[in-house]
Each structure stands twice: as C-alpha cells, then as structure tokens.
Amino acid sequence: MRQLLCLFVLLLASTFITSAGLALSVGFEAAEGYALGALCPASGGQQGWSGGAQPGCTNNDPGDEEIVNTEAYEGSNSWHYARGYGSPGQGTPFSPPLASVAGPGTTFEFSIRFKAASSTGDGSEQNIYIGTEAGDDRTGFNIYLTNDSAGDGLHLFTYDDPVSFAKESLAVNLDRNAWHEVSVVAVFDANPDNDVYQYSVNGSLAYTGNSWPNPWRVDNGHTPVYGNSIKFADGGGDTPAHNGFYYDAMSYDVIPEPHTALLLLAGLGGSAVLRRRSRLS
C-alpha cells in the first residue's frame, strides 16, 4: 500500500510541477484571437498585450509594429516589430502576464523565434527582458538583438553582472533570411548574485552566467524586483530606416522549485498514511 501511495505522490508531483506554471504560448494567430494590424496601439493592446503599467504603447505610430500574414515561422501570422519606443520602463510592448511571478525558488523559461526584416542589415536594435509585475521596468534576463550591415551582422548578445557589465555574444552573423530561436532558462536564488541564466540559440547552449538588473539594484541599495511577462524595447530609436524583426512562436512559464512541490506532496501523502493507520487502530 505504501509503495502504491508513494507512486501516486510522485505522479501527482509530476503533474503539479508540469502544470503549476500555466505556461503561455503566443503565435499571433486568428485562432488565438489576434487580428492583423497593430498589436499594441495606444488605446490598448490585443489579447492582454499592453504598455506595461499603461493600456497601450507610447509613440506607437502606424507601421511601428503590427501583426502581419506576410511572414510566419509557423501558422499564418507573425508580429513585425519594426521600431518604436525605447524606454527601460513602461510604454514599450509587454506580453500578457503569467499568473505566477518569477522570484527566489522559481525557474523562468522563455523561447521565441525571430527573423530579420532586412536582408542587408539596416542598423535595427531591439531588446528583450522579463517585464516586472508592475509593468514599469525591466528585470531578469537581457537579450540584445542587432542587425548591422557589417561586423557581427545579425548578432545576439547579453550583459553579465553589473560589476563588469561584460558583453557576452550569443551568436554572430546569423542568416538574415532564416528564422532562428533564442531561449532562456533562468533559475532565481534568494541572493540575486547567485541567479543562473542559460541562453541557447537554435537549440545549442550559447552562454551560462548571471544577468545585471537585480544584482545592480542590490549593489545600489534597491530591492530586487521580479516579473511575469516579456518586455520588448527598441534600442535604436524610432528610426524610419530600421525595419526591425519578425517574432513568432513565443512561449514563457514560471515553474516552482521542484523539491518544494515534492516535499509538499510527500507531506500530504504521509498524512494520508497516518490517517489510514489511525482508522485501522
């Protein structure tokens, strides 16, 4: 009986760990409720997208960003983020928030497909972070995507801890005419200096290290902040020559620390054993 109960607890734990984060997947498809046109107009974004702490995105001019059916990694649609607002706070595109917030004792998983909108390199620069729960700042990982006409070409990089601010390349000279995937697994510790971020490009591990936002906050006397959405920002200014990038097949999730869930469920299983023994005695 005890073996069967332990097996039940492990199966239940596996189900709990898998489902607890309630992952979100975004393909910008009509079946998901998305319509062609601006994803994040000033009046308010589609399907839970927003400017963070405000309904829509700031300086969202026609053509700055829109859902299109001319490019797609899968399905029919993708999101073309050409250019726009570059604030580190609210006003840039924030994805729909998860039910859970990343923080100490959790893991945040993120993946997205991207493709350059210019095949020759046009100087586009865009940044991707975890968006804070309040929708007013960036936190967590930091991904910088640039499309230069020379040098590193289509280039992905990140910055490490705030002491060195070392620039770590994730990929250089990627094919501008192809879709690529960047993914991150972020494991959060009670001490942000011990957080671990694993960045992968096209399925291959590219870099493991820390990220600067929360260590920087601690070093400067501020409290760490955590998030539950994905924040995009334009790093090159609202420049007409910038055609930006296409994004598709995005997913993200907050996963509770596995051993915490196992201990909780094991405790529940142990209580069941004790109750059964009590009834039999």
Protein backbone atom coordinates (compact mmCIF):
# COMPACT_ATOMS: atom_id res chain seq x y z
CA MET A 1 0.00 0.00 0.00
CA ARG A 2 2.81 2.38 0.91
CA GLN A 3 4.53 1.75 -2.45
CA LEU A 4 1.32 2.49 -4.32
CA LEU A 5 0.84 5.68 -2.31
CA CYS A 6 4.42 6.81 -2.99
CA LEU A 7 3.89 6.16 -6.69
CA PHE A 8 0.69 8.20 -6.58
CA VAL A 9 2.50 11.05 -4.81
CA LEU A 10 5.27 11.08 -7.43
CA LEU A 11 2.77 11.06 -10.28
CA LEU A 12 0.82 13.83 -8.63
CA ALA A 13 4.01 15.81 -8.07
CA SER A 14 4.95 15.43 -11.71
CA THR A 15 1.54 16.72 -12.76
CA PHE A 16 1.77 19.60 -10.28
CA ILE A 17 5.23 20.66 -11.43
CA THR A 18 4.27 20.47 -15.09
CA SER A 19 1.03 22.42 -14.78
CA ALA A 20 1.74 24.83 -11.93
CA GLY A 21 3.32 27.49 -14.12
CA LEU A 22 0.39 27.69 -16.56
CA ALA A 23 2.67 28.49 -19.50
CA LEU A 24 1.60 30.97 -22.15
CA SER A 25 2.19 30.40 -25.85
CA VAL A 26 1.73 33.16 -28.41
CA GLY A 27 1.64 32.54 -32.17
CA PHE A 28 -0.27 35.74 -33.11
CA GLU A 29 -2.84 33.60 -34.94
CA ALA A 30 -6.50 34.37 -35.59
CA ALA A 31 -7.40 31.19 -33.68
CA GLU A 32 -5.83 32.81 -30.60
CA GLY A 33 -7.95 35.92 -31.06
CA TYR A 34 -5.35 38.08 -32.80
CA ALA A 35 -6.19 40.34 -35.75
CA LEU A 36 -3.92 41.81 -38.39
CA GLY A 37 -2.77 45.32 -37.53
CA ALA A 38 -1.21 47.00 -34.52
CA LEU A 39 -0.62 44.65 -31.59
CA CYS A 40 -0.18 47.41 -29.01
CA PRO A 41 -1.95 50.64 -30.06
CA ALA A 42 -2.13 53.49 -27.58
CA SER A 43 -5.77 52.63 -26.87
CA GLY A 44 -4.80 49.19 -25.53
CA GLY A 45 -3.15 46.06 -26.83
CA GLN A 46 -4.61 42.88 -28.24
CA GLN A 47 -5.14 39.75 -26.11
CA GLY A 48 -3.54 41.10 -22.93
CA TRP A 49 -0.61 42.92 -24.54
CA SER A 50 -0.03 46.40 -23.14
CA GLY A 51 2.45 49.13 -22.46
CA GLY A 52 3.01 47.57 -19.05
CA ALA A 53 1.53 49.87 -16.44
CA GLN A 54 -0.48 51.63 -19.16
CA PRO A 55 -3.05 50.25 -21.62
CA GLY A 56 -1.09 50.78 -24.85
CA CYS A 57 2.37 51.55 -26.16
CA THR A 58 3.87 55.04 -26.26
CA ASN A 59 4.60 56.73 -29.61
CA ASN A 60 3.08 53.79 -31.44
CA ASP A 61 2.98 55.28 -34.93
CA PRO A 62 1.48 53.45 -37.93
CA GLY A 63 3.91 50.81 -39.14
CA ASP A 64 5.95 50.75 -35.94
CA GLU A 65 4.60 47.33 -35.02
CA GLU A 66 1.82 45.13 -36.35
CA ILE A 67 0.66 41.56 -36.79
CA VAL A 68 1.21 40.52 -40.42
CA ASN A 69 0.48 37.49 -42.60
CA THR A 70 3.41 38.00 -44.97
CA GLU A 71 5.91 36.17 -42.75
CA ALA A 72 5.47 33.33 -40.25
CA TYR A 73 7.60 30.69 -38.61
CA GLU A 74 4.51 28.54 -38.14
CA GLY A 75 0.86 29.13 -38.93
CA SER A 76 -0.08 32.22 -40.94
CA ASN A 77 0.91 35.22 -38.83
CA SER A 78 3.83 36.78 -37.00
CA TRP A 79 4.48 40.04 -35.19
CA HIS A 80 6.56 42.59 -37.10
CA TYR A 81 8.20 44.93 -34.57
CA ALA A 82 9.89 47.46 -36.83
CA ARG A 83 10.80 50.30 -34.46
CA GLY A 84 9.35 52.35 -31.65
CA TYR A 85 9.72 53.45 -28.06
CA GLY A 86 12.93 52.54 -26.23
CA SER A 87 12.08 53.26 -22.59
CA PRO A 88 13.52 50.93 -19.92
CA GLY A 89 10.20 51.34 -18.12
CA GLN A 90 6.56 51.29 -19.14
CA GLY A 91 5.31 52.23 -22.58
CA THR A 92 7.06 49.57 -24.64
CA PRO A 93 5.30 46.29 -25.57
CA PHE A 94 4.67 43.96 -22.62
CA SER A 95 3.27 40.49 -23.29
CA PRO A 96 0.26 39.12 -21.36
CA PRO A 97 1.28 38.44 -17.73
CA LEU A 98 1.55 34.96 -16.29
CA ALA A 99 -0.49 34.02 -13.23
CA SER A 100 2.75 33.38 -11.28
CA VAL A 101 5.64 35.78 -10.75
CA ALA A 102 9.25 34.66 -11.11
CA GLY A 103 11.26 35.01 -7.93
CA PRO A 104 13.56 33.18 -5.49
CA GLY A 105 12.93 29.44 -5.68
CA THR A 106 11.44 29.52 -9.19
CA THR A 107 12.61 28.91 -12.72
CA PHE A 108 11.56 31.08 -15.67
CA GLU A 109 11.60 29.52 -19.13
CA PHE A 110 11.34 31.57 -22.31
CA SER A 111 11.59 30.84 -26.02
CA ILE A 112 10.90 32.85 -29.17
CA ARG A 113 11.55 32.63 -32.92
CA PHE A 114 12.85 35.69 -34.75
CA LYS A 115 13.85 36.75 -38.25
CA ALA A 116 15.43 39.95 -39.55
CA ALA A 117 13.09 42.16 -41.58
CA SER A 118 16.02 43.45 -43.68
CA SER A 119 18.20 41.08 -45.68
CA THR A 120 21.03 43.58 -45.98
CA GLY A 121 21.41 44.93 -42.45
CA ASP A 122 19.75 48.21 -41.52
CA GLY A 123 21.04 49.02 -38.03
CA SER A 124 17.95 47.75 -36.20
CA GLU A 125 18.41 47.14 -32.46
CA GLN A 126 15.84 45.57 -30.14
CA ASN A 127 15.99 44.34 -26.57
CA ILE A 128 14.05 41.61 -24.74
CA TYR A 129 13.71 41.26 -20.96
CA ILE A 130 11.36 39.88 -18.34
CA GLY A 131 8.83 42.64 -17.61
CA THR A 132 8.23 43.48 -13.95
CA GLU A 133 4.93 42.54 -12.33
CA ALA A 134 4.11 46.27 -12.00
CA GLY A 135 4.79 46.77 -15.72
CA ASP A 136 7.12 49.69 -15.10
CA ASP A 137 10.61 48.26 -15.53
CA ARG A 138 12.82 45.53 -16.96
CA THR A 139 14.26 42.64 -14.95
CA GLY A 140 15.55 39.10 -15.30
CA PHE A 141 17.40 38.15 -18.46
CA ASN A 142 18.57 40.64 -21.07
CA ILE A 143 18.78 39.84 -24.78
CA TYR A 144 20.08 42.37 -27.31
CA LEU A 145 19.40 41.76 -31.00
CA THR A 146 21.11 43.87 -33.66
CA ASN A 147 21.17 43.77 -37.45
CA ASP A 148 24.28 45.60 -38.67
CA SER A 149 25.41 45.85 -42.27
CA ALA A 150 28.99 44.94 -41.28
CA GLY A 151 30.92 43.43 -38.40
CA ASP A 152 28.81 40.97 -36.40
CA GLY A 153 25.85 41.16 -38.81
CA LEU A 154 22.72 39.68 -37.26
CA HIS A 155 24.01 39.48 -33.70
CA LEU A 156 22.62 38.32 -30.34
CA PHE A 157 24.31 39.23 -27.09
CA THR A 158 23.71 39.74 -23.37
CA TYR A 159 25.37 41.59 -20.49
CA ASP A 160 26.57 39.77 -17.39
CA ASP A 161 26.69 41.04 -13.80
CA PRO A 162 26.70 44.80 -13.04
CA VAL A 163 30.28 44.86 -11.80
CA SER A 164 31.93 44.05 -15.11
CA PHE A 165 28.97 44.55 -17.47
CA ALA A 166 30.77 42.11 -19.72
CA LYS A 167 29.22 41.82 -23.17
CA GLU A 168 28.70 38.14 -23.93
CA SER A 169 27.99 37.17 -27.54
CA LEU A 170 25.33 34.52 -28.02
CA ALA A 171 25.51 34.34 -31.84
CA VAL A 172 27.05 36.37 -34.67
CA ASN A 173 26.43 36.66 -38.40
CA LEU A 174 23.19 34.68 -38.33
CA ASP A 175 21.37 34.19 -41.63
CA ARG A 176 19.09 37.23 -42.00
CA ASN A 177 16.74 35.34 -44.32
CA ALA A 178 16.08 32.47 -41.90
CA TRP A 179 14.11 32.03 -38.70
CA HIS A 180 16.12 31.48 -35.53
CA GLU A 181 15.28 30.57 -31.95
CA VAL A 182 16.60 32.11 -28.75
CA SER A 183 15.64 30.58 -25.42
CA VAL A 184 16.48 31.24 -21.78
CA VAL A 185 16.23 29.18 -18.60
CA ALA A 186 16.59 31.44 -15.55
CA VAL A 187 16.93 29.96 -12.05
CA PHE A 188 16.36 32.51 -9.28
CA ASP A 189 18.09 32.36 -5.89
CA ALA A 190 17.33 34.34 -2.72
CA ASN A 191 20.59 36.19 -3.44
CA PRO A 192 20.46 37.66 -6.98
CA ASP A 193 24.23 37.29 -7.25
CA ASN A 194 23.61 33.54 -7.37
CA ASP A 195 20.96 33.59 -10.11
CA VAL A 196 21.84 31.46 -13.14
CA TYR A 197 20.79 32.16 -16.74
CA GLN A 198 21.29 29.72 -19.60
CA TYR A 199 20.94 31.20 -23.09
CA SER A 200 20.55 28.93 -26.12
CA VAL A 201 20.41 29.79 -29.82
CA ASN A 202 18.89 27.38 -32.31
CA GLY A 203 18.93 24.61 -29.73
CA SER A 204 22.60 24.94 -28.73
CA LEU A 205 23.73 26.32 -25.38
CA ALA A 206 25.42 29.66 -26.06
CA TYR A 207 26.20 31.11 -22.62
CA THR A 208 25.67 30.49 -18.90
CA GLY A 209 26.04 33.30 -16.38
CA ASN A 210 24.17 35.95 -14.46
CA SER A 211 22.18 38.99 -15.60
CA TRP A 212 22.66 42.55 -14.44
CA PRO A 213 19.25 44.05 -13.43
CA ASN A 214 18.72 42.64 -9.92
CA PRO A 215 22.39 42.50 -8.87
CA TRP A 216 22.60 46.14 -9.98
CA ARG A 217 19.59 47.00 -7.83
CA VAL A 218 21.12 45.35 -4.77
CA ASP A 219 24.51 46.99 -5.35
CA ASN A 220 22.79 50.38 -5.46
CA GLY A 221 20.65 49.94 -2.36
CA HIS A 222 17.42 48.92 -4.09
CA THR A 223 15.17 45.91 -3.61
CA PRO A 224 15.17 43.19 -6.28
CA VAL A 225 12.04 43.11 -8.43
CA TYR A 226 10.61 40.20 -10.36
CA GLY A 227 8.28 39.76 -13.28
CA ASN A 228 5.74 37.66 -15.13
CA SER A 229 5.75 38.95 -18.72
CA ILE A 230 8.11 39.62 -21.62
CA LYS A 231 9.15 43.22 -22.27
CA PHE A 232 10.33 44.36 -25.69
CA ALA A 233 12.01 47.68 -26.40
CA ASP A 234 13.61 49.38 -29.39
CA GLY A 235 17.28 50.06 -28.80
CA GLY A 236 17.93 52.01 -31.98
CA GLY A 237 15.41 54.82 -31.67
CA ASP A 238 12.25 55.38 -33.69
CA THR A 239 14.29 55.48 -36.92
CA PRO A 240 12.42 55.12 -40.25
CA ALA A 241 15.34 53.23 -41.82
CA HIS A 242 15.01 50.47 -39.24
CA ASN A 243 12.83 47.57 -40.35
CA GLY A 244 13.28 45.60 -37.14
CA PHE A 245 12.42 41.94 -36.74
CA TYR A 246 9.63 39.40 -37.06
CA TYR A 247 8.72 37.39 -33.96
CA ASP A 248 6.70 34.19 -33.71
CA ALA A 249 6.13 31.02 -31.65
CA MET A 250 6.79 32.63 -28.26
CA SER A 251 6.33 30.71 -25.01
CA TYR A 252 7.14 31.51 -21.39
CA ASP A 253 6.46 30.00 -17.98
CA VAL A 254 7.22 30.30 -14.27
CA ILE A 255 7.95 26.92 -12.69
CA PRO A 256 8.03 26.41 -8.90
CA GLU A 257 11.12 24.89 -7.34
CA PRO A 258 10.63 21.13 -7.90
CA HIS A 259 11.77 19.87 -4.49
CA THR A 260 9.37 22.29 -2.75
CA ALA A 261 6.44 20.78 -4.62
CA LEU A 262 7.69 17.26 -3.92
CA LEU A 263 8.07 17.93 -0.22
CA LEU A 264 4.60 19.43 -0.07
CA LEU A 265 3.01 16.50 -1.83
CA ALA A 266 5.09 13.96 0.07
CA GLY A 267 3.83 15.56 3.27
CA LEU A 268 0.28 15.20 2.04
CA GLY A 269 0.97 11.56 1.22
CA GLY A 270 2.48 10.94 4.64
CA SER A 271 -0.55 12.50 6.29
CA ALA A 272 -2.78 10.14 4.33
CA VAL A 273 -0.78 7.15 5.60
CA LEU A 274 -1.11 8.34 9.20
CA ARG A 275 -4.85 8.91 8.83
CA ARG A 276 -5.26 5.40 7.40
CA ARG A 277 -3.29 3.84 10.25
CA SER A 278 -5.37 5.80 12.74
CA ARG A 279 -8.58 4.46 11.28
CA LEU A 280 -7.26 0.87 11.40
CA SER A 281 -6.06 1.04 15.01
